[in-house]
Protein backbone atom coordinates (compact mmCIF):
# COMPACT_ATOMS: atom_id res chain seq x y z
CA MET A 1 55.12 28.83 15.11
CA THR A 2 52.53 29.08 17.87
CA ASN A 3 49.10 27.68 18.39
CA SER A 4 46.62 30.10 19.94
CA LYS A 5 44.69 27.22 21.53
CA ASN A 6 47.75 25.63 23.12
CA GLY A 7 50.23 28.50 23.44
CA SER A 8 53.85 28.28 22.43
CA VAL A 9 55.25 24.78 21.87
CA ILE A 10 58.94 24.08 21.18
CA LEU A 11 60.12 20.58 20.29
CA TYR A 12 63.83 19.71 20.42
CA THR A 13 64.57 16.66 18.26
CA THR A 14 67.29 14.68 16.55
CA PRO A 15 66.93 13.23 13.05
CA THR A 16 67.32 9.60 14.17
CA CYS A 17 65.17 9.67 17.33
CA PRO A 18 62.08 7.40 17.14
CA ASP A 19 60.44 9.11 20.13
CA CYS A 20 60.95 12.47 18.40
CA ARG A 21 59.13 11.17 15.33
CA ALA A 22 56.34 9.82 17.56
CA VAL A 23 55.85 13.20 19.27
CA LYS A 24 55.80 15.01 15.91
CA GLN A 25 53.26 12.53 14.51
CA TRP A 26 51.05 12.84 17.59
CA PHE A 27 51.21 16.65 17.47
CA ALA A 28 50.21 16.51 13.79
CA THR A 29 47.29 14.19 14.60
CA GLU A 30 46.14 16.47 17.42
CA GLY A 31 46.60 19.67 15.39
CA VAL A 32 49.27 21.04 17.73
CA ALA A 33 51.48 23.61 16.02
CA PHE A 34 55.08 23.62 17.23
CA GLU A 35 58.51 24.99 16.51
CA GLU A 36 61.04 22.22 15.90
CA ARG A 37 64.68 22.71 16.84
CA ASP A 38 67.36 20.22 15.71
CA LEU A 39 69.62 19.05 18.53
CA SER A 40 72.22 17.80 16.03
CA ASP A 41 73.19 21.48 15.64
CA PRO A 42 75.72 22.14 18.44
CA GLN A 43 74.34 25.63 19.09
CA ILE A 44 70.80 24.28 19.43
CA ALA A 45 72.07 21.50 21.73
CA GLU A 46 73.74 24.09 23.97
CA GLU A 47 70.58 26.21 23.95
CA ALA A 48 68.49 23.21 25.02
CA LYS A 49 70.98 22.27 27.75
CA ALA A 50 70.99 25.82 29.08
CA ARG A 51 67.17 26.04 29.04
CA THR A 52 66.35 22.60 30.39
CA GLY A 53 69.42 21.19 32.11
CA VAL A 54 69.22 17.96 30.10
CA ARG A 55 70.84 16.47 27.00
CA VAL A 56 68.18 14.12 25.72
CA ALA A 57 65.67 13.95 22.91
CA PRO A 58 62.86 14.68 22.59
CA ILE A 59 62.44 17.73 24.80
CA VAL A 60 59.15 19.61 24.67
CA ILE A 61 58.66 23.06 26.16
CA ILE A 62 55.09 24.28 26.54
CA GLU A 63 54.75 27.80 27.93
CA GLY A 64 57.86 27.34 30.08
CA GLN A 65 57.07 23.80 31.24
CA VAL A 66 59.77 21.28 30.27
CA PHE A 67 58.98 17.67 29.33
CA TYR A 68 61.51 14.99 28.41
CA GLY A 69 61.81 11.23 28.35
CA THR A 70 60.26 8.65 26.08
CA PHE A 71 57.14 9.58 24.15
CA ALA A 72 55.13 7.09 26.23
CA ASP A 73 56.30 8.83 29.42
CA GLN A 74 55.68 12.32 28.07
CA LYS A 75 52.34 11.79 26.33
CA PRO A 76 49.98 11.96 29.36
CA ARG A 77 51.76 15.03 30.75
CA LEU A 78 51.83 16.70 27.32
CA ALA A 79 48.11 16.05 26.83
CA GLU A 80 47.41 17.65 30.21
CA ALA A 81 49.64 20.66 29.52
CA LEU A 82 48.08 21.13 26.09
CA LYS A 83 44.59 20.69 27.53
CA LEU A 84 43.82 17.88 25.12
CA THR A 85 40.99 15.62 26.19
CA GLY A 86 40.69 11.92 25.54
CA THR A 87 44.18 11.56 24.05
CA ALA A 88 46.40 10.76 27.03
CA GLN A 89 45.81 7.04 26.68
CA GLY A 90 46.72 4.73 23.83
């Protein structure tokens, strides 16, 4: 799934990750369409490792830019990459 306003967004998650849920909820609130990929699948985990060099969750890729770390750490950078205004704080 892509969002014409924000380009292609891929979100790598795990089912038990609270930061993954937070990113998904925030994307939903902001109207950001994304493709979710489940890191609990070994093939998806290898794909993410090959693409990003990390084994963490969540990982967000926006038009080739890679973001990872806690949701709080990612949120301001994601908002900037997605060109969202007024949402980087809070």
